[in-house]
Amino acid sequence: MHEVGEVYDRNEFFLPELLLSAEAMQAGASAIAPYLKHESGASARETAVIGVVEGDVHDIGKNLVAMMLEVEGCVVVDLGHNVPAKRFFEEAEERNARVVGLSTMMTTTLPFMRDTIKLVRTMESNPLIIVGGAPLSEALARELGADGYGENAAKAPELVESLIK
């Protein structure tokens, strides 16, 4: 996908090729996920509620994070995309989630992400909040009130592990 992104940036690929590549990558990742073994770490058997915040339907990164966390032994509750703050709160509370993961690819949805973080912060169980997506950075994640930021899906398990410890 990194290579596809570079080709896209050079205007040699267009949106249809980008989407086809993403679908192929997801199919491949789904095919190998059952064969990946996890090491028991702090995140093993913890519950993570994840989703794309309200106003955004871009879920490729979120899907990869879900798979990576599952491979590490996390129980993942994937809420999908365009998820309102209240739904994150209710699912995290109902499932006693240790982690809430929020994703967005659009700057226009950052106010929804901020609102979701504020609402989740009112939970007695105080779950860890991780965020990721194109418009975010470590500094912006802190400003929004998140506990952690992942610049890509591959770093999600390590991020969760470090925050839990």
N, C-alpha and C. Protein backbone atom coordinates (compact mmCIF):
# COMPACT_ATOMS: atom_id res chain seq x y z
N MET A 1 0.83 -1.19 0.00
CA MET A 1 0.00 0.00 0.00
C MET A 1 0.87 1.25 0.00
N HIS A 2 2.05 1.14 0.63
CA HIS A 2 2.96 2.28 0.61
C HIS A 2 3.37 2.61 -0.83
N GLU A 3 3.73 1.57 -1.55
CA GLU A 3 4.13 1.74 -2.95
C GLU A 3 2.97 2.28 -3.79
N VAL A 4 1.79 1.76 -3.57
CA VAL A 4 0.60 2.23 -4.30
C VAL A 4 0.37 3.72 -4.01
N GLY A 5 0.56 4.11 -2.74
CA GLY A 5 0.41 5.51 -2.37
C GLY A 5 1.39 6.40 -3.11
N GLU A 6 2.62 5.93 -3.27
CA GLU A 6 3.62 6.71 -4.00
C GLU A 6 3.25 6.83 -5.48
N VAL A 7 2.78 5.74 -6.07
CA VAL A 7 2.37 5.76 -7.48
C VAL A 7 1.17 6.70 -7.65
N TYR A 8 0.26 6.67 -6.70
CA TYR A 8 -0.91 7.55 -6.71
C TYR A 8 -0.46 9.01 -6.63
N ASP A 9 0.50 9.29 -5.75
CA ASP A 9 1.00 10.66 -5.59
C ASP A 9 1.66 11.18 -6.87
N ARG A 10 2.21 10.27 -7.67
CA ARG A 10 2.83 10.66 -8.95
C ARG A 10 1.81 10.75 -10.09
N ASN A 11 0.53 10.58 -9.75
CA ASN A 11 -0.56 10.61 -10.74
C ASN A 11 -0.45 9.52 -11.78
N GLU A 12 0.13 8.39 -11.38
CA GLU A 12 0.20 7.23 -12.27
C GLU A 12 -0.92 6.25 -11.95
N PHE A 13 -1.46 6.33 -10.74
CA PHE A 13 -2.65 5.61 -10.33
C PHE A 13 -3.71 6.64 -9.99
N PHE A 14 -4.95 6.23 -10.11
CA PHE A 14 -6.05 7.10 -9.76
C PHE A 14 -6.93 6.39 -8.73
N LEU A 15 -7.99 7.02 -8.31
CA LEU A 15 -8.81 6.48 -7.23
C LEU A 15 -9.25 5.03 -7.47
N PRO A 16 -9.69 4.64 -8.66
CA PRO A 16 -10.09 3.23 -8.84
C PRO A 16 -8.95 2.24 -8.55
N GLU A 17 -7.74 2.57 -9.00
CA GLU A 17 -6.60 1.69 -8.74
C GLU A 17 -6.25 1.66 -7.25
N LEU A 18 -6.38 2.81 -6.61
CA LEU A 18 -6.11 2.90 -5.18
C LEU A 18 -7.10 2.02 -4.41
N LEU A 19 -8.37 2.10 -4.76
CA LEU A 19 -9.40 1.30 -4.08
C LEU A 19 -9.22 -0.19 -4.35
N LEU A 20 -8.89 -0.56 -5.57
CA LEU A 20 -8.65 -1.97 -5.89
C LEU A 20 -7.46 -2.51 -5.11
N SER A 21 -6.43 -1.71 -4.99
CA SER A 21 -5.24 -2.12 -4.24
C SER A 21 -5.58 -2.33 -2.77
N ALA A 22 -6.37 -1.42 -2.23
CA ALA A 22 -6.77 -1.54 -0.83
C ALA A 22 -7.61 -2.80 -0.61
N GLU A 23 -8.52 -3.08 -1.53
CA GLU A 23 -9.33 -4.29 -1.42
C GLU A 23 -8.46 -5.54 -1.49
N ALA A 24 -7.47 -5.55 -2.39
CA ALA A 24 -6.57 -6.69 -2.52
C ALA A 24 -5.76 -6.87 -1.24
N MET A 25 -5.30 -5.76 -0.67
CA MET A 25 -4.53 -5.84 0.55
C MET A 25 -5.39 -6.39 1.70
N GLN A 26 -6.61 -5.91 1.81
CA GLN A 26 -7.50 -6.39 2.87
C GLN A 26 -7.79 -7.88 2.70
N ALA A 27 -8.00 -8.31 1.47
CA ALA A 27 -8.26 -9.74 1.23
C ALA A 27 -7.06 -10.58 1.63
N GLY A 28 -5.87 -10.13 1.26
CA GLY A 28 -4.65 -10.84 1.64
C GLY A 28 -4.44 -10.87 3.13
N ALA A 29 -4.66 -9.73 3.78
CA ALA A 29 -4.48 -9.65 5.23
C ALA A 29 -5.48 -10.56 5.94
N SER A 30 -6.72 -10.59 5.46
CA SER A 30 -7.74 -11.45 6.07
C SER A 30 -7.38 -12.93 5.89
N ALA A 31 -6.77 -13.25 4.76
CA ALA A 31 -6.42 -14.64 4.48
C ALA A 31 -5.31 -15.13 5.41
N ILE A 32 -4.37 -14.27 5.74
CA ILE A 32 -3.24 -14.73 6.57
C ILE A 32 -3.47 -14.54 8.07
N ALA A 33 -4.43 -13.70 8.45
CA ALA A 33 -4.65 -13.41 9.87
C ALA A 33 -4.83 -14.65 10.74
N PRO A 34 -5.59 -15.68 10.29
CA PRO A 34 -5.76 -16.85 11.16
C PRO A 34 -4.47 -17.63 11.43
N TYR A 35 -3.46 -17.44 10.59
CA TYR A 35 -2.21 -18.18 10.72
C TYR A 35 -1.17 -17.44 11.55
N LEU A 36 -1.45 -16.20 11.88
CA LEU A 36 -0.52 -15.43 12.67
C LEU A 36 -0.71 -15.78 14.14
N LYS A 37 0.36 -15.96 14.83
CA LYS A 37 0.31 -16.30 16.25
C LYS A 37 0.60 -15.06 17.07
N HIS A 38 -0.01 -14.97 18.22
CA HIS A 38 0.27 -13.85 19.10
C HIS A 38 1.06 -14.32 20.31
N GLU A 39 1.85 -13.41 20.83
CA GLU A 39 2.56 -13.65 22.08
C GLU A 39 1.70 -13.05 23.18
N SER A 40 1.59 -13.74 24.26
CA SER A 40 0.78 -13.21 25.36
C SER A 40 1.49 -12.04 25.99
N GLY A 41 0.89 -10.88 25.83
CA GLY A 41 1.42 -9.67 26.43
C GLY A 41 0.33 -9.01 27.24
N ALA A 42 0.57 -7.78 27.61
CA ALA A 42 -0.39 -7.05 28.43
C ALA A 42 -1.72 -6.86 27.71
N SER A 43 -1.69 -6.80 26.37
CA SER A 43 -2.92 -6.55 25.62
C SER A 43 -3.73 -7.82 25.35
N ALA A 44 -3.12 -9.00 25.59
CA ALA A 44 -3.82 -10.25 25.32
C ALA A 44 -5.10 -10.34 26.15
N ARG A 45 -6.19 -10.61 25.49
CA ARG A 45 -7.52 -10.77 26.05
C ARG A 45 -8.13 -9.48 26.57
N GLU A 46 -7.49 -8.36 26.41
CA GLU A 46 -8.10 -7.08 26.72
C GLU A 46 -9.13 -6.78 25.63
N THR A 47 -10.15 -6.00 25.95
CA THR A 47 -11.16 -5.64 24.96
C THR A 47 -10.89 -4.24 24.45
N ALA A 48 -10.93 -4.11 23.14
CA ALA A 48 -10.77 -2.81 22.48
C ALA A 48 -12.00 -2.55 21.62
N VAL A 49 -12.62 -1.40 21.82
CA VAL A 49 -13.73 -0.95 20.98
C VAL A 49 -13.14 0.07 20.02
N ILE A 50 -13.28 -0.21 18.72
CA ILE A 50 -12.69 0.70 17.74
C ILE A 50 -13.69 1.06 16.65
N GLY A 51 -13.45 2.20 16.02
CA GLY A 51 -14.31 2.62 14.92
C GLY A 51 -13.81 3.91 14.31
N VAL A 52 -14.43 4.26 13.19
CA VAL A 52 -14.17 5.53 12.51
C VAL A 52 -15.20 6.52 13.02
N VAL A 53 -14.74 7.69 13.41
CA VAL A 53 -15.64 8.66 14.04
C VAL A 53 -16.72 9.16 13.08
N GLU A 54 -17.74 9.73 13.69
CA GLU A 54 -18.87 10.27 12.94
C GLU A 54 -18.40 11.21 11.83
N GLY A 55 -19.03 11.06 10.67
CA GLY A 55 -18.73 11.92 9.54
C GLY A 55 -17.71 11.36 8.57
N ASP A 56 -17.12 10.21 8.88
CA ASP A 56 -16.07 9.64 8.04
C ASP A 56 -16.38 8.18 7.75
N VAL A 57 -16.15 7.77 6.50
CA VAL A 57 -16.41 6.38 6.10
C VAL A 57 -15.14 5.65 5.67
N HIS A 58 -13.99 6.27 5.84
CA HIS A 58 -12.72 5.66 5.43
C HIS A 58 -12.27 4.68 6.50
N ASP A 59 -12.38 3.38 6.21
CA ASP A 59 -12.11 2.40 7.26
C ASP A 59 -10.98 1.42 6.98
N ILE A 60 -10.18 1.65 5.97
CA ILE A 60 -9.08 0.72 5.67
C ILE A 60 -8.10 0.65 6.83
N GLY A 61 -7.67 1.81 7.32
CA GLY A 61 -6.72 1.83 8.44
C GLY A 61 -7.31 1.19 9.68
N LYS A 62 -8.56 1.51 9.98
CA LYS A 62 -9.25 0.94 11.14
C LYS A 62 -9.34 -0.58 11.02
N ASN A 63 -9.62 -1.06 9.83
CA ASN A 63 -9.71 -2.51 9.61
C ASN A 63 -8.36 -3.18 9.87
N LEU A 64 -7.29 -2.54 9.44
CA LEU A 64 -5.95 -3.09 9.67
C LEU A 64 -5.61 -3.08 11.16
N VAL A 65 -5.96 -2.01 11.85
CA VAL A 65 -5.71 -1.95 13.29
C VAL A 65 -6.48 -3.08 13.99
N ALA A 66 -7.72 -3.28 13.62
CA ALA A 66 -8.52 -4.36 14.22
C ALA A 66 -7.83 -5.70 14.03
N MET A 67 -7.36 -5.95 12.83
CA MET A 67 -6.70 -7.22 12.55
C MET A 67 -5.42 -7.36 13.36
N MET A 68 -4.62 -6.29 13.42
CA MET A 68 -3.35 -6.34 14.15
C MET A 68 -3.59 -6.59 15.64
N LEU A 69 -4.59 -5.95 16.20
CA LEU A 69 -4.89 -6.15 17.62
C LEU A 69 -5.41 -7.56 17.89
N GLU A 70 -6.25 -8.07 16.99
CA GLU A 70 -6.76 -9.44 17.14
C GLU A 70 -5.62 -10.45 17.09
N VAL A 71 -4.68 -10.23 16.19
CA VAL A 71 -3.54 -11.13 16.07
C VAL A 71 -2.74 -11.16 17.37
N GLU A 72 -2.71 -10.04 18.08
CA GLU A 72 -1.98 -9.96 19.36
C GLU A 72 -2.81 -10.47 20.53
N GLY A 73 -4.02 -10.94 20.27
CA GLY A 73 -4.82 -11.55 21.32
C GLY A 73 -5.86 -10.64 21.94
N CYS A 74 -6.01 -9.46 21.42
CA CYS A 74 -7.00 -8.51 21.91
C CYS A 74 -8.39 -8.93 21.40
N VAL A 75 -9.41 -8.73 22.21
CA VAL A 75 -10.79 -8.92 21.77
C VAL A 75 -11.21 -7.59 21.17
N VAL A 76 -11.51 -7.57 19.88
CA VAL A 76 -11.83 -6.31 19.18
C VAL A 76 -13.32 -6.25 18.87
N VAL A 77 -13.92 -5.14 19.28
CA VAL A 77 -15.31 -4.84 18.93
C VAL A 77 -15.24 -3.72 17.90
N ASP A 78 -15.47 -4.07 16.65
CA ASP A 78 -15.35 -3.13 15.53
C ASP A 78 -16.71 -2.51 15.25
N LEU A 79 -16.82 -1.21 15.52
CA LEU A 79 -18.10 -0.51 15.33
C LEU A 79 -18.30 -0.03 13.90
N GLY A 80 -17.31 -0.18 13.06
CA GLY A 80 -17.45 0.25 11.67
C GLY A 80 -17.07 1.71 11.47
N HIS A 81 -17.79 2.36 10.56
CA HIS A 81 -17.47 3.76 10.25
C HIS A 81 -18.69 4.66 10.53
N ASN A 82 -18.42 5.96 10.55
CA ASN A 82 -19.45 6.96 10.81
C ASN A 82 -20.14 6.70 12.17
N VAL A 83 -19.32 6.49 13.19
CA VAL A 83 -19.82 6.10 14.50
C VAL A 83 -19.98 7.32 15.41
N PRO A 84 -21.17 7.58 15.92
CA PRO A 84 -21.39 8.69 16.84
C PRO A 84 -20.70 8.45 18.19
N ALA A 85 -20.38 9.52 18.87
CA ALA A 85 -19.69 9.46 20.17
C ALA A 85 -20.45 8.58 21.16
N LYS A 86 -21.76 8.73 21.20
CA LYS A 86 -22.58 7.97 22.15
C LYS A 86 -22.43 6.47 21.96
N ARG A 87 -22.29 6.04 20.71
CA ARG A 87 -22.15 4.60 20.44
C ARG A 87 -20.81 4.08 20.97
N PHE A 88 -19.72 4.85 20.77
CA PHE A 88 -18.43 4.46 21.34
C PHE A 88 -18.58 4.29 22.86
N PHE A 89 -19.19 5.29 23.49
CA PHE A 89 -19.38 5.28 24.94
C PHE A 89 -20.16 4.05 25.38
N GLU A 90 -21.31 3.83 24.77
CA GLU A 90 -22.18 2.72 25.17
C GLU A 90 -21.51 1.36 25.00
N GLU A 91 -20.85 1.16 23.87
CA GLU A 91 -20.19 -0.14 23.62
C GLU A 91 -19.01 -0.35 24.57
N ALA A 92 -18.23 0.71 24.79
CA ALA A 92 -17.08 0.58 25.69
C ALA A 92 -17.55 0.28 27.10
N GLU A 93 -18.62 0.92 27.52
CA GLU A 93 -19.15 0.70 28.85
C GLU A 93 -19.74 -0.71 28.98
N GLU A 94 -20.55 -1.10 28.00
CA GLU A 94 -21.19 -2.42 28.04
C GLU A 94 -20.18 -3.56 28.05
N ARG A 95 -19.10 -3.38 27.31
CA ARG A 95 -18.11 -4.46 27.17
C ARG A 95 -16.91 -4.30 28.11
N ASN A 96 -16.97 -3.29 28.96
CA ASN A 96 -15.88 -3.02 29.89
C ASN A 96 -14.54 -2.96 29.14
N ALA A 97 -14.53 -2.20 28.08
CA ALA A 97 -13.35 -2.10 27.22
C ALA A 97 -12.20 -1.41 27.94
N ARG A 98 -11.03 -1.94 27.76
CA ARG A 98 -9.81 -1.34 28.31
C ARG A 98 -9.27 -0.28 27.36
N VAL A 99 -9.61 -0.41 26.06
CA VAL A 99 -9.10 0.48 25.02
C VAL A 99 -10.25 0.94 24.12
N VAL A 100 -10.23 2.22 23.77
CA VAL A 100 -11.13 2.75 22.76
C VAL A 100 -10.25 3.35 21.67
N GLY A 101 -10.44 2.87 20.44
CA GLY A 101 -9.63 3.34 19.31
C GLY A 101 -10.49 4.13 18.34
N LEU A 102 -10.04 5.35 18.02
CA LEU A 102 -10.76 6.23 17.11
C LEU A 102 -9.91 6.50 15.88
N SER A 103 -10.57 6.51 14.74
CA SER A 103 -9.87 6.74 13.48
C SER A 103 -10.60 7.79 12.65
N THR A 104 -9.83 8.54 11.88
CA THR A 104 -10.41 9.44 10.88
C THR A 104 -9.37 9.73 9.81
N MET A 105 -9.86 10.00 8.64
CA MET A 105 -9.00 10.41 7.53
C MET A 105 -9.30 11.84 7.10
N MET A 106 -10.21 12.50 7.81
CA MET A 106 -10.67 13.82 7.38
C MET A 106 -10.54 14.84 8.50
N THR A 107 -9.99 16.01 8.19
CA THR A 107 -9.87 17.06 9.19
C THR A 107 -11.24 17.56 9.65
N THR A 108 -12.23 17.45 8.79
CA THR A 108 -13.56 17.95 9.14
C THR A 108 -14.21 17.16 10.27
N THR A 109 -13.70 15.97 10.56
CA THR A 109 -14.30 15.15 11.61
C THR A 109 -13.55 15.27 12.94
N LEU A 110 -12.52 16.08 13.00
CA LEU A 110 -11.77 16.23 14.25
C LEU A 110 -12.63 16.74 15.41
N PRO A 111 -13.60 17.64 15.17
CA PRO A 111 -14.48 18.01 16.29
C PRO A 111 -15.28 16.82 16.83
N PHE A 112 -15.68 15.89 15.96
CA PHE A 112 -16.38 14.69 16.42
C PHE A 112 -15.45 13.79 17.23
N MET A 113 -14.18 13.73 16.81
CA MET A 113 -13.21 12.95 17.56
C MET A 113 -13.02 13.56 18.95
N ARG A 114 -12.90 14.89 19.00
CA ARG A 114 -12.74 15.57 20.28
C ARG A 114 -13.95 15.30 21.19
N ASP A 115 -15.15 15.40 20.63
CA ASP A 115 -16.37 15.14 21.40
C ASP A 115 -16.41 13.70 21.93
N THR A 116 -15.98 12.77 21.10
CA THR A 116 -15.98 11.36 21.49
C THR A 116 -15.00 11.14 22.64
N ILE A 117 -13.83 11.72 22.53
CA ILE A 117 -12.83 11.59 23.59
C ILE A 117 -13.37 12.17 24.90
N LYS A 118 -13.99 13.35 24.82
CA LYS A 118 -14.55 13.97 26.03
C LYS A 118 -15.61 13.08 26.67
N LEU A 119 -16.46 12.48 25.86
CA LEU A 119 -17.52 11.62 26.39
C LEU A 119 -16.93 10.36 27.02
N VAL A 120 -15.98 9.73 26.34
CA VAL A 120 -15.36 8.51 26.87
C VAL A 120 -14.61 8.82 28.17
N ARG A 121 -14.07 10.00 28.29
CA ARG A 121 -13.35 10.40 29.51
C ARG A 121 -14.28 10.47 30.74
N THR A 122 -15.58 10.51 30.52
CA THR A 122 -16.52 10.55 31.65
C THR A 122 -16.80 9.16 32.21
N MET A 123 -16.30 8.12 31.56
CA MET A 123 -16.54 6.75 32.02
C MET A 123 -15.77 6.48 33.31
N GLU A 124 -16.40 5.81 34.25
CA GLU A 124 -15.74 5.44 35.50
C GLU A 124 -14.53 4.54 35.26
N SER A 125 -14.64 3.65 34.29
CA SER A 125 -13.56 2.69 34.04
C SER A 125 -12.34 3.33 33.39
N ASN A 126 -12.48 4.55 32.87
CA ASN A 126 -11.38 5.31 32.29
C ASN A 126 -10.55 4.49 31.29
N PRO A 127 -11.16 4.04 30.18
CA PRO A 127 -10.39 3.27 29.21
C PRO A 127 -9.32 4.12 28.54
N LEU A 128 -8.30 3.46 28.04
CA LEU A 128 -7.26 4.14 27.28
C LEU A 128 -7.84 4.53 25.93
N ILE A 129 -7.49 5.70 25.44
CA ILE A 129 -7.99 6.16 24.15
C ILE A 129 -6.82 6.32 23.21
N ILE A 130 -6.89 5.59 22.08
CA ILE A 130 -5.86 5.72 21.04
C ILE A 130 -6.52 6.27 19.79
N VAL A 131 -5.75 7.04 19.03
CA VAL A 131 -6.26 7.65 17.80
C VAL A 131 -5.27 7.45 16.67
N GLY A 132 -5.80 7.50 15.45
CA GLY A 132 -4.95 7.41 14.27
C GLY A 132 -5.69 7.92 13.05
N GLY A 133 -4.92 8.24 12.04
CA GLY A 133 -5.48 8.72 10.79
C GLY A 133 -4.65 9.84 10.20
N ALA A 134 -4.88 10.10 8.94
CA ALA A 134 -4.06 11.05 8.18
C ALA A 134 -3.95 12.45 8.78
N PRO A 135 -5.02 13.05 9.30
CA PRO A 135 -4.87 14.43 9.78
C PRO A 135 -4.23 14.56 11.16
N LEU A 136 -3.91 13.42 11.78
CA LEU A 136 -3.43 13.45 13.16
C LEU A 136 -1.92 13.40 13.26
N SER A 137 -1.44 13.86 14.38
CA SER A 137 -0.04 13.78 14.76
C SER A 137 0.00 13.50 16.26
N GLU A 138 1.16 13.22 16.78
CA GLU A 138 1.31 13.00 18.22
C GLU A 138 0.83 14.23 18.99
N ALA A 139 1.23 15.40 18.55
CA ALA A 139 0.85 16.64 19.25
C ALA A 139 -0.65 16.88 19.19
N LEU A 140 -1.26 16.66 18.04
CA LEU A 140 -2.71 16.87 17.92
C LEU A 140 -3.47 15.83 18.75
N ALA A 141 -2.97 14.61 18.78
CA ALA A 141 -3.61 13.57 19.59
C ALA A 141 -3.63 13.98 21.06
N ARG A 142 -2.52 14.51 21.54
CA ARG A 142 -2.46 14.99 22.94
C ARG A 142 -3.43 16.15 23.16
N GLU A 143 -3.47 17.07 22.18
CA GLU A 143 -4.36 18.22 22.27
C GLU A 143 -5.83 17.78 22.34
N LEU A 144 -6.16 16.73 21.59
CA LEU A 144 -7.53 16.21 21.59
C LEU A 144 -7.86 15.46 22.88
N GLY A 145 -6.84 15.08 23.63
CA GLY A 145 -7.05 14.38 24.89
C GLY A 145 -6.84 12.88 24.83
N ALA A 146 -6.25 12.38 23.74
CA ALA A 146 -6.01 10.94 23.59
C ALA A 146 -4.79 10.52 24.43
N ASP A 147 -4.77 9.25 24.79
CA ASP A 147 -3.62 8.69 25.52
C ASP A 147 -2.49 8.32 24.60
N GLY A 148 -2.82 7.99 23.36
CA GLY A 148 -1.79 7.55 22.43
C GLY A 148 -2.19 7.77 20.99
N TYR A 149 -1.17 7.85 20.13
CA TYR A 149 -1.34 8.06 18.70
C TYR A 149 -0.51 7.04 17.96
N GLY A 150 -1.10 6.44 16.93
CA GLY A 150 -0.37 5.52 16.07
C GLY A 150 -0.29 6.06 14.67
N GLU A 151 0.92 6.17 14.16
CA GLU A 151 1.07 6.73 12.81
C GLU A 151 0.71 5.73 11.73
N ASN A 152 0.66 4.44 12.09
CA ASN A 152 0.19 3.43 11.14
C ASN A 152 -0.34 2.22 11.91
N ALA A 153 -1.06 1.38 11.20
CA ALA A 153 -1.74 0.24 11.82
C ALA A 153 -0.76 -0.74 12.46
N ALA A 154 0.40 -0.90 11.87
CA ALA A 154 1.37 -1.87 12.39
C ALA A 154 1.84 -1.51 13.79
N LYS A 155 1.76 -0.25 14.15
CA LYS A 155 2.23 0.19 15.46
C LYS A 155 1.16 0.08 16.55
N ALA A 156 -0.07 -0.23 16.18
CA ALA A 156 -1.17 -0.28 17.14
C ALA A 156 -0.94 -1.27 18.28
N PRO A 157 -0.55 -2.52 18.01
CA PRO A 157 -0.35 -3.44 19.14
C PRO A 157 0.72 -2.96 20.12
N GLU A 158 1.81 -2.46 19.60
CA GLU A 158 2.89 -1.96 20.46
C GLU A 158 2.40 -0.76 21.28
N LEU A 159 1.63 0.11 20.65
CA LEU A 159 1.08 1.27 21.35
C LEU A 159 0.18 0.84 22.49
N VAL A 160 -0.75 -0.07 22.21
CA VAL A 160 -1.66 -0.56 23.25
C VAL A 160 -0.88 -1.23 24.37
N GLU A 161 0.06 -2.06 24.00
CA GLU A 161 0.89 -2.76 24.99
C GLU A 161 1.61 -1.77 25.91
N SER A 162 2.21 -0.73 25.33
CA SER A 162 2.95 0.23 26.14
C SER A 162 2.02 1.03 27.04
N LEU A 163 0.85 1.37 26.56
CA LEU A 163 -0.10 2.14 27.38
C LEU A 163 -0.67 1.31 28.53
N ILE A 164 -0.91 0.04 28.28
CA ILE A 164 -1.46 -0.83 29.33
C ILE A 164 -0.42 -1.06 30.42
N LYS A 165 0.83 -1.21 30.02
CA LYS A 165 1.90 -1.41 31.02
C LYS A 165 2.10 -0.14 31.80
